[in-house]
Amino acid sequence: MTGAVFLALMLTGMPIAFVLIGATLAFVALTGNTPILNAIPQIAFGSVENFDLLAIPLFVLLGEIMNESGLTRRIILAVRVWLTRLPHNLVIVNLISNLALAAIMGSATAQMAVMSRVVVPEMERDGYDRGYAAALTASAGLLGPIIPPSMVFIIYGVIAQVSIADMFTAGIVPGITLFVLMIGIALWQAGRNHVPPPAEAGQVPVSRWKATLPGLVTMLIPLSIVGGITAGVFTPTESAAAAIVLALIFGALVFRELPLRAIPKILDRTVSNSAIVLFLIMTAKVFGWVLTYNQVPQAVAAFITGLSDDPTIFMLLIMLALTAVGMFLDGIAALIILTPILLPVAVGQYGIDPIQFGVMISLTLVLGLLTPPVGTGLYIAAALSKVTIMRLSRLVLPYVGAAVFVILATIFLPWMVHPF
């Protein structure tokens, strides 16, 4: 009955956090077990009393500072000036810029929003179809939750109690693999469908070295994050704090494009966006506790182990199930709810490495950004690029196929998540 309430509330279009609260209260009302209400505040606040979760607002703040100070624009320009002579250079610029921004923002939706505003108009001016540009930009946003730092990996690491640094490292090879596949698909499509650009298109009104130096300076920020974590100098949370200091120095003192009056607005957006994620974590944790109280994990474990005792078959079944879940449920909410249910089965019953399992379920749920009817990434890219959802859903299919290939590779090739 609780599940029926959950589905009914979700179909009304209610925000997922309130759906989770409603389903939890429905369970209490239907069972008459009101004493458990006393435990809910403790469970909710206990779910966010974790130092590693501090990385979430810090990375959100870093992304806001980078955007406000024009640092992201410098990265894009620095990439573009060196590729102007290549055919379809804007396609490559789009993907390389997304790869660089993925190492800064850690949030797919924020990355899609930034790149849709900046790159899609440029590609259209260069003669590309707007739908093609929007689909490429939205799909490249999938790199955000894979390339470290990743908000999804941080949340999984906290829930699964595994090293977040190990999760970040595990995302490097799958992320680069997806990046290469996307370049191949995008260039093949561009070669077939590209409209010849106007004579002035593709020209950058800045000398190469004048654009490169600021871009190289700005790239010190993602390099400090990835390098600091892999070298063991920083924890993920500390790397975010160090990157914020660098971004403030570059934005306010070096390039002088970050005025003090912009700081309150940046902090306001950071607090709002971070609160949404943390509130979702709290409500999902409470709902997950209700599921555990109902012995749902035990029922799921019994059902799955009855289907097959092969670890690979188990992971393929979970991948299919999570693909369906991601079509209707926010990826982060699904991750928080389902990890405590599925991880004990994966590790205890099948002996699967928790890092490999975490990469697989994280990437699978991230696909939900590009799959209707929820598809947050689709709606963002469609709204900012002025392309219909139906057309965009069709155009992103080759890139979704590439992401599915990478997920399958992490299942059949475990070394991909342990490259070092």
Protein backbone atom coordinates (compact mmCIF):
# COMPACT_ATOMS: atom_id res chain seq x y z
CA MET A 1 0.00 0.00 0.00
CA THR A 2 2.90 2.33 0.78
CA GLY A 3 4.22 1.68 -2.72
CA ALA A 4 0.85 2.65 -4.22
CA VAL A 5 0.93 5.95 -2.33
CA PHE A 6 4.49 6.53 -3.55
CA LEU A 7 3.51 5.98 -7.20
CA ALA A 8 0.34 8.06 -6.90
CA LEU A 9 2.22 11.04 -5.43
CA MET A 10 5.00 10.76 -8.01
CA LEU A 11 2.48 10.77 -10.87
CA THR A 12 1.09 14.08 -9.63
CA GLY A 13 4.44 15.70 -10.42
CA MET A 14 5.22 16.43 -6.77
CA PRO A 15 8.94 16.99 -5.98
CA ILE A 16 10.53 13.66 -5.14
CA ALA A 17 11.57 14.69 -1.61
CA PHE A 18 7.93 15.38 -0.69
CA VAL A 19 6.87 12.14 -2.37
CA LEU A 20 9.23 10.30 -0.03
CA ILE A 21 7.86 12.14 3.00
CA GLY A 22 4.27 11.41 1.94
CA ALA A 23 5.00 7.71 1.42
CA THR A 24 6.69 7.50 4.82
CA LEU A 25 3.75 9.14 6.59
CA ALA A 26 1.35 6.89 4.67
CA PHE A 27 3.21 3.85 5.99
CA VAL A 28 2.91 5.15 9.56
CA ALA A 29 -0.81 5.88 9.13
CA LEU A 30 -1.61 2.53 7.50
CA THR A 31 0.29 0.46 10.05
CA GLY A 32 -0.74 2.57 13.05
CA ASN A 33 2.87 2.36 14.25
CA THR A 34 3.02 5.98 15.40
CA PRO A 35 5.90 5.47 17.91
CA ILE A 36 8.37 5.27 14.99
CA LEU A 37 7.66 8.95 14.32
CA ASN A 38 9.93 9.68 17.27
CA ALA A 39 12.84 8.07 15.45
CA ILE A 40 12.37 9.92 12.16
CA PRO A 41 14.05 13.24 13.17
CA GLN A 42 17.08 11.37 14.48
CA ILE A 43 17.35 9.30 11.28
CA ALA A 44 16.90 12.35 9.06
CA PHE A 45 19.51 14.54 10.74
CA GLY A 46 21.85 11.61 11.31
CA SER A 47 21.89 10.99 7.55
CA VAL A 48 23.63 14.32 6.88
CA GLU A 49 25.95 14.29 9.91
CA ASN A 50 28.86 13.14 7.81
CA PHE A 51 32.00 15.13 7.05
CA ASP A 52 32.27 13.74 3.52
CA LEU A 53 28.90 15.30 2.59
CA LEU A 54 30.48 18.73 3.11
CA ALA A 55 32.04 18.17 -0.32
CA ILE A 56 28.61 18.66 -1.94
CA PRO A 57 28.05 22.34 -1.02
CA LEU A 58 31.74 23.03 -1.60
CA PHE A 59 31.67 21.69 -5.17
CA VAL A 60 28.40 23.53 -5.81
CA LEU A 61 30.07 26.74 -4.59
CA LEU A 62 33.09 26.06 -6.81
CA GLY A 63 30.88 25.71 -9.87
CA GLU A 64 29.04 28.96 -9.07
CA ILE A 65 32.32 30.88 -8.65
CA MET A 66 33.69 29.46 -11.90
CA ASN A 67 30.59 30.54 -13.82
CA GLU A 68 30.27 33.99 -12.25
CA SER A 69 33.93 34.87 -12.78
CA GLY A 70 34.04 33.73 -16.40
CA LEU A 71 36.58 30.99 -15.70
CA THR A 72 34.52 28.36 -17.55
CA ARG A 73 34.41 30.64 -20.61
CA ARG A 74 38.20 30.88 -20.57
CA ILE A 75 38.56 27.10 -20.65
CA ILE A 76 36.24 26.85 -23.65
CA LEU A 77 38.06 29.65 -25.52
CA ALA A 78 41.49 28.17 -24.78
CA VAL A 79 40.39 24.83 -26.23
CA ARG A 80 38.80 26.40 -29.28
CA VAL A 81 41.70 28.59 -30.45
CA TRP A 82 43.89 25.52 -30.96
CA LEU A 83 41.28 23.59 -32.92
CA THR A 84 40.00 26.22 -35.38
CA ARG A 85 41.71 24.57 -38.36
CA LEU A 86 40.26 21.13 -37.68
CA PRO A 87 37.03 20.08 -39.41
CA HIS A 88 34.07 20.18 -37.01
CA ASN A 89 36.24 21.84 -34.40
CA LEU A 90 33.25 23.04 -32.38
CA VAL A 91 32.10 19.44 -31.89
CA ILE A 92 35.48 18.60 -30.37
CA VAL A 93 35.52 21.85 -28.37
CA ASN A 94 32.10 21.00 -26.94
CA LEU A 95 33.21 17.59 -25.70
CA ILE A 96 36.67 18.61 -24.46
CA SER A 97 35.14 21.57 -22.59
CA ASN A 98 32.57 19.26 -21.02
CA LEU A 99 35.37 16.92 -19.98
CA ALA A 100 37.22 19.81 -18.33
CA LEU A 101 34.10 21.17 -16.64
CA ALA A 102 33.23 17.70 -15.36
CA ALA A 103 36.39 17.88 -13.26
CA ILE A 104 35.17 21.15 -11.73
CA MET A 105 31.40 20.99 -11.27
CA GLY A 106 30.64 17.36 -10.45
CA SER A 107 26.98 18.02 -11.26
CA ALA A 108 25.52 16.94 -14.60
CA THR A 109 22.55 19.32 -14.50
CA ALA A 110 24.71 22.38 -13.75
CA GLN A 111 27.11 21.39 -16.51
CA MET A 112 24.30 20.89 -19.03
CA ALA A 113 22.84 24.29 -18.16
CA VAL A 114 26.16 26.11 -18.56
CA MET A 115 27.11 24.43 -21.82
CA SER A 116 23.62 24.78 -23.33
CA ARG A 117 23.81 28.54 -22.80
CA VAL A 118 27.38 28.93 -24.06
CA VAL A 119 28.10 26.34 -26.77
CA VAL A 120 24.76 25.58 -28.45
CA PRO A 121 24.37 29.15 -29.86
CA GLU A 122 27.98 29.03 -31.08
CA MET A 123 27.41 25.73 -32.86
CA GLU A 124 24.23 27.03 -34.48
CA ARG A 125 26.08 30.12 -35.75
CA ASP A 126 28.71 27.75 -37.14
CA GLY A 127 26.11 26.03 -39.31
CA TYR A 128 25.12 23.08 -37.10
CA ASP A 129 21.52 22.05 -36.58
CA ARG A 130 20.27 23.31 -33.22
CA GLY A 131 18.82 19.91 -32.30
CA TYR A 132 22.14 18.18 -33.03
CA ALA A 133 24.03 20.76 -30.93
CA ALA A 134 21.56 20.45 -28.04
CA ALA A 135 21.67 16.63 -28.10
CA LEU A 136 25.48 16.60 -28.12
CA THR A 137 25.66 19.11 -25.27
CA ALA A 138 23.06 17.32 -23.13
CA SER A 139 24.71 13.94 -23.71
CA ALA A 140 28.17 15.29 -22.88
CA GLY A 141 26.72 16.29 -19.51
CA LEU A 142 26.78 12.60 -18.60
CA LEU A 143 30.54 13.02 -18.14
CA GLY A 144 29.85 15.19 -15.07
CA PRO A 145 28.79 12.37 -12.71
CA ILE A 146 31.60 10.07 -13.94
CA ILE A 147 34.75 12.20 -14.14
CA PRO A 148 35.93 13.10 -10.61
CA PRO A 149 34.79 14.93 -8.60
CA SER A 150 31.31 13.43 -8.77
CA MET A 151 28.42 14.29 -6.48
CA VAL A 152 26.88 10.87 -7.22
CA PHE A 153 30.09 9.08 -6.20
CA ILE A 154 30.31 11.14 -3.01
CA ILE A 155 26.78 10.14 -2.00
CA TYR A 156 27.38 6.47 -2.84
CA GLY A 157 30.65 6.48 -0.90
CA VAL A 158 28.93 7.89 2.19
CA ILE A 159 26.06 5.38 2.02
CA ALA A 160 28.21 2.36 1.19
CA GLN A 161 30.99 3.44 3.58
CA VAL A 162 33.69 3.02 0.95
CA SER A 163 36.52 5.40 0.09
CA ILE A 164 35.28 8.37 -1.93
CA ALA A 165 38.80 8.81 -3.32
CA ASP A 166 38.64 5.20 -4.60
CA MET A 167 35.26 5.94 -6.19
CA PHE A 168 36.72 9.00 -7.91
CA THR A 169 39.64 6.96 -9.25
CA ALA A 170 37.23 4.25 -10.43
CA GLY A 171 35.41 6.79 -12.61
CA ILE A 172 38.45 7.87 -14.63
CA VAL A 173 38.68 5.04 -17.21
CA PRO A 174 34.88 4.71 -17.74
CA GLY A 175 34.67 8.49 -18.10
CA ILE A 176 37.45 8.70 -20.67
CA THR A 177 36.00 5.71 -22.55
CA LEU A 178 32.60 7.42 -22.76
CA PHE A 179 34.30 10.63 -23.89
CA VAL A 180 36.08 8.83 -26.77
CA LEU A 181 32.89 7.06 -27.86
CA MET A 182 30.98 10.35 -27.85
CA ILE A 183 33.61 12.04 -30.00
CA GLY A 184 33.37 9.21 -32.52
CA ILE A 185 29.56 9.37 -32.66
CA ALA A 186 29.46 13.18 -32.84
CA LEU A 187 32.02 13.43 -35.64
CA TRP A 188 30.30 10.68 -37.65
CA GLN A 189 26.96 12.48 -37.33
CA ALA A 190 28.53 15.85 -38.15
CA GLY A 191 30.15 14.44 -41.26
CA ARG A 192 26.79 13.21 -42.52
CA ASN A 193 24.57 16.15 -41.61
CA HIS A 194 26.65 19.30 -41.15
CA VAL A 195 25.57 22.36 -43.11
CA PRO A 196 28.55 24.30 -44.55
CA PRO A 197 29.23 27.20 -42.18
CA PRO A 198 29.36 30.84 -43.22
CA ALA A 199 32.79 32.17 -44.15
CA GLU A 200 33.30 33.96 -40.84
CA ALA A 201 32.21 31.01 -38.68
CA GLY A 202 34.80 29.24 -36.57
CA GLN A 203 37.03 32.31 -36.38
CA VAL A 204 38.07 33.30 -32.90
CA PRO A 205 38.85 37.03 -32.51
CA VAL A 206 41.68 36.36 -30.04
CA SER A 207 45.27 35.30 -30.59
CA ARG A 208 46.13 31.76 -29.55
CA TRP A 209 48.55 32.62 -26.79
CA LYS A 210 46.36 35.41 -25.44
CA ALA A 211 43.56 32.85 -24.97
CA THR A 212 45.75 29.92 -23.94
CA LEU A 213 47.47 31.42 -20.90
CA PRO A 214 44.23 32.25 -19.01
CA GLY A 215 42.88 28.82 -19.96
CA LEU A 216 45.97 27.04 -18.65
CA VAL A 217 45.84 29.04 -15.42
CA THR A 218 42.18 28.14 -14.98
CA MET A 219 42.89 24.45 -15.64
CA LEU A 220 45.02 24.45 -12.49
CA ILE A 221 41.73 24.23 -10.59
CA PRO A 222 40.54 20.82 -11.88
CA LEU A 223 44.14 19.56 -11.94
CA SER A 224 44.53 20.46 -8.26
CA ILE A 225 41.34 18.50 -7.48
CA VAL A 226 42.16 15.34 -9.40
CA GLY A 227 45.90 15.44 -8.71
CA GLY A 228 45.49 16.21 -5.02
CA ILE A 229 43.06 13.34 -4.49
CA THR A 230 44.97 10.71 -6.49
CA ALA A 231 48.27 11.70 -4.86
CA GLY A 232 46.73 11.43 -1.40
CA VAL A 233 47.44 15.09 -0.58
CA PHE A 234 43.76 16.02 -0.17
CA THR A 235 40.58 14.28 0.79
CA PRO A 236 37.75 15.02 -1.68
CA THR A 237 36.31 17.58 0.74
CA GLU A 238 39.66 19.29 1.25
CA SER A 239 40.29 19.35 -2.51
CA ALA A 240 37.01 21.22 -3.00
CA ALA A 241 38.00 23.82 -0.39
CA ALA A 242 41.45 24.27 -1.97
CA ALA A 243 39.89 24.63 -5.43
CA ILE A 244 37.51 27.33 -4.12
CA VAL A 245 40.47 29.33 -2.82
CA LEU A 246 42.16 29.08 -6.24
CA ALA A 247 38.96 30.07 -8.04
CA LEU A 248 38.53 33.12 -5.80
CA ILE A 249 42.14 34.17 -6.36
CA PHE A 250 41.90 33.77 -10.15
CA GLY A 251 38.44 35.29 -10.46
CA ALA A 252 38.82 38.26 -8.09
CA LEU A 253 42.55 39.08 -8.15
CA VAL A 254 44.10 37.68 -11.35
CA PHE A 255 41.34 38.24 -13.94
CA ARG A 256 39.36 40.78 -11.86
CA GLU A 257 35.96 39.58 -13.11
CA LEU A 258 34.50 38.55 -9.75
CA PRO A 259 33.23 41.66 -7.96
CA LEU A 260 32.51 41.54 -4.25
CA ARG A 261 28.86 42.40 -4.87
CA ALA A 262 28.45 39.06 -6.68
CA ILE A 263 29.46 37.01 -3.63
CA PRO A 264 26.07 37.18 -1.82
CA LYS A 265 24.24 35.96 -4.94
CA ILE A 266 26.75 33.14 -5.37
CA LEU A 267 26.31 32.07 -1.74
CA ASP A 268 22.53 32.30 -2.04
CA ARG A 269 22.46 29.98 -5.08
CA THR A 270 24.92 27.62 -3.39
CA VAL A 271 22.80 27.35 -0.26
CA SER A 272 19.61 26.79 -2.28
CA ASN A 273 21.09 24.11 -4.54
CA SER A 274 22.92 22.36 -1.69
CA ALA A 275 19.80 22.37 0.48
CA ILE A 276 17.82 20.64 -2.26
CA VAL A 277 20.36 17.80 -2.46
CA LEU A 278 20.81 17.42 1.31
CA PHE A 279 17.07 17.54 1.97
CA LEU A 280 16.63 14.82 -0.63
CA ILE A 281 19.27 12.73 1.14
CA MET A 282 17.43 13.16 4.45
CA THR A 283 14.01 12.18 3.10
CA ALA A 284 15.37 9.26 1.08
CA LYS A 285 17.21 7.95 4.14
CA VAL A 286 14.00 8.02 6.18
CA PHE A 287 12.07 6.27 3.41
CA GLY A 288 14.85 3.69 3.08
CA TRP A 289 14.62 3.07 6.82
CA VAL A 290 10.89 2.44 6.44
CA LEU A 291 11.63 -0.08 3.68
CA THR A 292 14.14 -1.82 5.93
CA TYR A 293 11.60 -1.84 8.77
CA ASN A 294 9.22 -3.57 6.32
CA GLN A 295 11.98 -6.12 5.50
CA VAL A 296 11.95 -5.10 1.85
CA PRO A 297 15.75 -5.67 1.45
CA GLN A 298 15.37 -9.25 2.65
CA ALA A 299 12.50 -9.85 0.22
CA VAL A 300 14.49 -8.36 -2.67
CA ALA A 301 17.53 -10.47 -1.77
CA ALA A 302 15.46 -13.65 -1.69
CA PHE A 303 13.85 -12.84 -5.04
CA ILE A 304 17.09 -11.97 -6.85
CA THR A 305 19.11 -14.90 -5.51
CA GLY A 306 16.30 -17.16 -6.64
CA LEU A 307 16.81 -15.99 -10.23
CA SER A 308 20.53 -16.69 -10.57
CA ASP A 309 23.62 -17.34 -8.49
CA ASP A 310 25.97 -15.89 -11.13
CA PRO A 311 27.40 -12.44 -10.18
CA THR A 312 27.48 -11.22 -13.80
CA ILE A 313 23.84 -12.19 -14.39
CA PHE A 314 22.94 -10.47 -11.12
CA MET A 315 24.61 -7.22 -12.22
CA LEU A 316 22.93 -7.36 -15.63
CA LEU A 317 19.53 -7.82 -13.96
CA ILE A 318 20.21 -4.89 -11.64
CA MET A 319 21.30 -2.76 -14.58
CA LEU A 320 18.03 -3.46 -16.42
CA ALA A 321 15.96 -2.79 -13.32
CA LEU A 322 17.77 0.46 -12.52
CA THR A 323 17.44 1.67 -16.10
CA ALA A 324 13.68 1.39 -15.69
CA VAL A 325 13.81 3.02 -12.24
CA GLY A 326 15.88 5.93 -13.62
CA MET A 327 13.13 6.73 -16.12
CA PHE A 328 10.75 7.63 -13.32
CA LEU A 329 12.82 8.46 -10.24
CA ASP A 330 15.51 11.08 -9.66
CA GLY A 331 18.92 9.41 -9.86
CA ILE A 332 20.22 10.65 -6.51
CA ALA A 333 17.00 9.70 -4.71
CA ALA A 334 17.07 6.24 -6.32
CA LEU A 335 20.72 5.81 -5.36
CA ILE A 336 20.04 6.69 -1.72
CA ILE A 337 16.99 4.44 -1.51
CA LEU A 338 18.31 1.42 -3.40
CA THR A 339 21.97 1.23 -2.33
CA PRO A 340 21.19 -0.02 1.22
CA ILE A 341 18.87 -2.63 -0.32
CA LEU A 342 21.06 -3.90 -3.16
CA LEU A 343 24.62 -3.48 -1.84
CA PRO A 344 24.38 -6.10 0.94
CA VAL A 345 23.02 -8.59 -1.61
CA ALA A 346 25.79 -7.77 -4.12
CA VAL A 347 28.61 -8.02 -1.59
CA GLY A 348 27.23 -10.66 0.80
CA GLN A 349 25.50 -13.04 -1.62
CA TYR A 350 27.57 -12.59 -4.78
CA GLY A 351 30.96 -11.33 -3.55
CA ILE A 352 30.93 -8.32 -5.89
CA ASP A 353 33.45 -5.55 -5.25
CA PRO A 354 31.52 -2.57 -3.73
CA ILE A 355 33.50 -0.07 -5.84
CA GLN A 356 32.65 -1.89 -9.08
CA PHE A 357 29.01 -2.19 -8.00
CA GLY A 358 28.91 1.49 -7.07
CA VAL A 359 30.23 2.61 -10.46
CA MET A 360 27.72 0.37 -12.24
CA ILE A 361 24.62 1.53 -10.38
CA SER A 362 25.74 5.18 -10.38
CA LEU A 363 26.25 5.24 -14.15
CA THR A 364 23.00 3.36 -14.77
CA LEU A 365 20.94 5.76 -12.67
CA VAL A 366 22.68 8.76 -14.29
CA LEU A 367 21.18 7.63 -17.61
CA GLY A 368 17.86 8.80 -16.18
CA LEU A 369 18.98 12.36 -16.95
CA LEU A 370 18.40 11.63 -20.64
CA THR A 371 15.45 9.24 -20.51
CA PRO A 372 11.83 10.42 -20.43
CA PRO A 373 9.46 10.93 -18.72
CA VAL A 374 11.56 12.46 -15.89
CA GLY A 375 14.81 13.20 -17.80
CA THR A 376 15.95 16.34 -15.95
CA GLY A 377 18.86 16.85 -18.34
CA LEU A 378 16.54 16.65 -21.34
CA TYR A 379 14.26 19.35 -19.95
CA ILE A 380 17.18 21.65 -19.13
CA ALA A 381 18.78 21.29 -22.58
CA ALA A 382 15.42 21.55 -24.36
CA ALA A 383 14.40 24.70 -22.49
CA LEU A 384 17.71 26.50 -22.96
CA SER A 385 18.19 25.37 -26.56
CA LYS A 386 14.52 25.76 -27.59
CA VAL A 387 14.30 22.20 -28.97
CA THR A 388 11.26 19.98 -28.36
CA ILE A 389 11.58 17.15 -25.83
CA MET A 390 10.42 14.58 -28.36
CA ARG A 391 13.07 15.54 -30.91
CA LEU A 392 15.83 15.79 -28.31
CA SER A 393 14.89 12.39 -26.85
CA ARG A 394 15.38 10.84 -30.28
CA LEU A 395 18.66 12.63 -31.01
CA VAL A 396 20.37 11.58 -27.75
CA LEU A 397 19.76 7.85 -28.36
CA PRO A 398 23.21 7.13 -29.92
CA TYR A 399 24.91 8.73 -26.92
CA VAL A 400 22.70 6.81 -24.49
CA GLY A 401 23.79 3.68 -26.37
CA ALA A 402 27.44 4.65 -25.80
CA ALA A 403 26.78 5.07 -22.07
CA VAL A 404 25.10 1.64 -21.94
CA PHE A 405 28.19 0.16 -23.63
CA VAL A 406 30.42 1.69 -20.92
CA ILE A 407 28.18 0.34 -18.16
CA LEU A 408 28.36 -3.15 -19.67
CA ALA A 409 32.14 -2.77 -19.89
CA THR A 410 32.36 -2.05 -16.15
CA ILE A 411 30.38 -5.26 -15.52
CA PHE A 412 32.44 -7.54 -17.78
CA LEU A 413 35.82 -5.79 -17.31
CA PRO A 414 36.28 -5.09 -13.57
CA TRP A 415 39.80 -3.74 -14.17
CA MET A 416 38.23 -0.59 -15.62
CA VAL A 417 37.28 0.57 -12.12
CA HIS A 418 40.69 -0.38 -10.64
CA PRO A 419 43.10 1.07 -13.22
CA PHE A 420 45.92 1.95 -10.80
